[in-house]
Amino acid sequence: TLRRILLCSKVTIVQVHGYCIGGGLYTVLCCDLAIAAEDAQIGHLEQRLVFAGAMYVLPIEIIHIGPKKCRELLLTGKLIDGKEAERIGLVNKAVPADRLDEETKKLAKAMTLLPRDGIAIGKASIHLAYDALGLSSSFSQGYVEHTLATNIRFEPGEFNFLKARRDMGVREAIKARDKRYEGLL
């Protein structure tokens, strides 16, 4: 489905508010345009569970924000707000939360003024560029990454969220996971 969003022949616009992590952020990466609330919390918090960088839209994120910032967000699981997401190029625009709907509708209205064929031709050109950059193969890469990540072996002393969840319950496991990062990020 994310591949269908990425390769859609129509303009795709995403509105970001609240928490945007995991699949929500993957959707942002695959849409053409993104507007975020300034106070939105965006990042790869899920990476603190196990994966530390495995995701099939990784090449797309690297193109959006660059390899160093991408590694930082993936390896730390740090959340950034909408303003920072705009600054680094993860979203097109950040606006106060009370103006989010209005700004998104204005952008959508502007897109309706473009000729349909022009949009289709422009998007086809973008898709050809994605192919030239190898982005189309990133979805196949995801299958390999997922297989590796779901077969991880934990060393003694490493935090295993899945075991913690089993032993403590989800809430306590999340607290235990996040406590390890206090004062570090």
Protein backbone atom coordinates (compact mmCIF):
# COMPACT_ATOMS: atom_id res chain seq x y z
CA THR A 1 0.00 0.00 0.00
CA LEU A 2 2.84 2.46 0.68
CA ARG A 3 4.22 1.63 -2.75
CA ARG A 4 0.80 2.50 -4.21
CA ILE A 5 0.88 5.85 -2.41
CA LEU A 6 4.41 6.56 -3.63
CA LEU A 7 3.58 5.65 -7.22
CA CYS A 8 0.06 7.16 -7.32
CA SER A 9 -0.55 9.21 -10.46
CA LYS A 10 -2.47 11.81 -8.44
CA VAL A 11 -1.02 14.31 -5.97
CA THR A 12 -0.93 12.86 -2.47
CA ILE A 13 -1.03 15.24 0.51
CA VAL A 14 -0.60 14.19 4.12
CA GLN A 15 -1.54 16.18 7.21
CA VAL A 16 0.56 15.44 10.31
CA HIS A 17 -0.62 16.03 13.87
CA GLY A 18 -0.18 14.36 17.25
CA TYR A 19 2.30 11.49 17.16
CA CYS A 20 3.58 10.38 13.76
CA ILE A 21 5.77 7.31 14.23
CA GLY A 22 6.32 4.00 12.47
CA GLY A 23 3.86 3.45 9.65
CA GLY A 24 2.56 7.00 10.02
CA LEU A 25 5.99 8.39 9.20
CA TYR A 26 6.40 5.90 6.35
CA THR A 27 3.19 7.33 4.87
CA VAL A 28 4.58 10.87 5.16
CA LEU A 29 7.71 9.75 3.29
CA CYS A 30 5.66 8.28 0.44
CA CYS A 31 3.30 11.25 -0.06
CA ASP A 32 4.12 14.10 -2.43
CA LEU A 33 3.41 16.89 0.03
CA ALA A 34 3.24 17.05 3.82
CA ILE A 35 1.99 19.75 6.18
CA ALA A 36 2.57 19.27 9.91
CA ALA A 37 1.32 20.92 13.05
CA GLU A 38 4.23 22.70 14.72
CA ASP A 39 3.69 20.62 17.85
CA ALA A 40 3.45 17.25 16.06
CA GLN A 41 5.86 14.62 17.39
CA ILE A 42 7.58 12.84 14.50
CA GLY A 43 10.20 10.11 14.46
CA HIS A 44 11.14 6.48 14.66
CA LEU A 45 10.34 5.71 18.28
CA GLU A 46 9.56 2.14 17.17
CA GLN A 47 13.24 1.67 16.32
CA ARG A 48 14.00 1.49 20.06
CA LEU A 49 12.15 -1.82 20.17
CA VAL A 50 14.64 -3.87 18.15
CA PHE A 51 15.36 -2.78 14.63
CA ALA A 52 17.77 0.22 14.86
CA GLY A 53 17.48 1.25 11.24
CA ALA A 54 15.63 -1.46 9.34
CA MET A 55 12.79 -0.09 7.25
CA TYR A 56 11.89 -0.44 3.62
CA VAL A 57 11.42 3.26 2.93
CA LEU A 58 14.93 4.01 4.20
CA PRO A 59 16.27 5.20 0.81
CA ILE A 60 13.35 7.62 0.50
CA GLU A 61 14.06 9.09 3.93
CA ILE A 62 17.76 9.44 3.13
CA ILE A 63 16.85 11.45 0.03
CA HIS A 64 14.48 13.66 2.05
CA ILE A 65 16.73 14.51 4.99
CA GLY A 66 20.22 13.20 4.22
CA PRO A 67 22.13 10.21 5.58
CA LYS A 68 23.38 11.73 8.86
CA LYS A 69 20.03 13.06 10.05
CA CYS A 70 18.34 9.84 8.92
CA ARG A 71 20.81 7.75 10.92
CA GLU A 72 20.33 9.99 13.94
CA LEU A 73 16.54 9.62 13.92
CA LEU A 74 16.69 5.87 13.30
CA LEU A 75 19.44 4.95 15.74
CA THR A 76 18.20 7.14 18.60
CA GLY A 77 14.44 6.88 18.16
CA LYS A 78 14.39 10.61 19.01
CA LEU A 79 11.17 12.51 18.28
CA ILE A 80 11.24 15.91 16.58
CA ASP A 81 8.48 18.50 16.36
CA GLY A 82 6.84 19.78 13.19
CA LYS A 83 9.06 22.87 13.03
CA GLU A 84 12.22 20.76 13.07
CA ALA A 85 10.68 18.37 10.54
CA GLU A 86 10.17 21.34 8.21
CA ARG A 87 13.70 22.62 8.82
CA ILE A 88 15.30 19.30 7.83
CA GLY A 89 12.98 18.68 4.86
CA LEU A 90 10.87 15.86 6.27
CA VAL A 91 7.70 17.92 5.73
CA ASN A 92 7.05 20.84 3.38
CA LYS A 93 5.52 23.17 5.94
CA ALA A 94 4.78 23.39 9.66
CA VAL A 95 1.90 25.52 10.90
CA PRO A 96 0.17 26.14 14.23
CA ALA A 97 -2.17 23.24 15.02
CA ASP A 98 -5.27 25.43 14.81
CA ARG A 99 -4.41 26.32 11.18
CA LEU A 100 -3.51 22.80 10.01
CA ASP A 101 -6.85 21.96 8.37
CA GLU A 102 -7.08 25.36 6.68
CA GLU A 103 -3.52 25.24 5.29
CA THR A 104 -3.94 21.68 4.05
CA LYS A 105 -7.19 22.57 2.28
CA LYS A 106 -5.53 25.59 0.64
CA LEU A 107 -2.72 23.40 -0.67
CA ALA A 108 -5.19 20.79 -1.93
CA LYS A 109 -7.20 23.53 -3.68
CA ALA A 110 -4.01 24.80 -5.36
CA MET A 111 -3.31 21.28 -6.65
CA THR A 112 -6.79 21.13 -8.24
CA LEU A 113 -5.82 24.10 -10.41
CA LEU A 114 -3.16 22.06 -12.21
CA PRO A 115 -4.12 20.16 -15.39
CA ARG A 116 -4.76 16.47 -14.70
CA ASP A 117 -2.53 15.32 -17.56
CA GLY A 118 0.22 17.66 -16.38
CA ILE A 119 0.12 16.07 -12.93
CA ALA A 120 0.21 12.56 -14.42
CA ILE A 121 3.15 13.44 -16.68
CA GLY A 122 5.02 15.15 -13.86
CA LYS A 123 4.46 12.25 -11.49
CA ALA A 124 5.54 9.75 -14.17
CA SER A 125 8.76 11.73 -14.57
CA ILE A 126 9.33 11.62 -10.82
CA HIS A 127 8.73 7.86 -10.83
CA LEU A 128 11.30 7.42 -13.60
CA ALA A 129 13.77 9.39 -11.49
CA TYR A 130 12.97 7.13 -8.52
CA ASP A 131 13.71 4.12 -10.73
CA ALA A 132 16.99 5.67 -11.87
CA LEU A 133 17.94 6.20 -8.21
CA GLY A 134 17.01 2.62 -7.34
CA LEU A 135 14.16 3.61 -5.02
CA SER A 136 11.75 1.12 -6.54
CA SER A 137 13.90 -1.74 -5.27
CA SER A 138 13.72 -0.42 -1.70
CA PHE A 139 10.40 -2.20 -1.26
CA SER A 140 12.10 -5.54 -2.01
CA GLN A 141 14.86 -4.55 0.40
CA GLY A 142 12.20 -4.27 3.08
CA TYR A 143 11.40 -7.98 2.93
CA VAL A 144 15.02 -8.87 3.63
CA GLU A 145 15.32 -6.29 6.43
CA HIS A 146 12.13 -7.48 8.09
CA THR A 147 13.29 -11.10 7.97
CA LEU A 148 16.62 -10.18 9.55
CA ALA A 149 15.05 -7.94 12.20
CA THR A 150 12.49 -10.53 13.28
CA ASN A 151 15.24 -13.11 13.75
CA ILE A 152 17.49 -10.98 15.95
CA ARG A 153 19.45 -12.70 18.71
CA PHE A 154 19.89 -10.70 21.90
CA GLU A 155 23.17 -10.83 23.79
CA PRO A 156 23.12 -11.10 27.60
CA GLY A 157 22.40 -7.67 29.09
CA GLU A 158 20.76 -6.26 25.95
CA PHE A 159 17.24 -4.93 26.40
CA ASN A 160 14.68 -7.21 24.78
CA PHE A 161 11.42 -5.30 24.48
CA LEU A 162 9.49 -8.39 23.43
CA LYS A 163 10.47 -10.28 26.59
CA ALA A 164 9.89 -7.19 28.72
CA ARG A 165 6.41 -6.84 27.22
CA ARG A 166 5.69 -10.49 27.97
CA ASP A 167 6.95 -10.23 31.55
CA MET A 168 5.73 -6.72 32.53
CA GLY A 169 2.97 -5.80 30.14
CA VAL A 170 3.11 -3.17 27.41
CA ARG A 171 2.99 -0.02 29.58
CA GLU A 172 5.76 -1.10 31.91
CA ALA A 173 7.88 -2.39 29.03
CA ILE A 174 7.60 1.00 27.29
CA LYS A 175 8.59 2.76 30.52
CA ALA A 176 11.57 0.40 30.93
CA ARG A 177 12.61 0.96 27.30
CA ASP A 178 12.43 4.75 27.55
CA LYS A 179 14.05 4.96 31.01
CA ARG A 180 17.26 3.66 29.48
CA TYR A 181 17.45 6.82 27.31
CA GLU A 182 16.77 9.39 30.07
CA GLY A 183 19.31 12.18 30.04
CA LEU A 184 20.97 10.89 26.87
CA LEU A 185 18.94 12.47 24.05
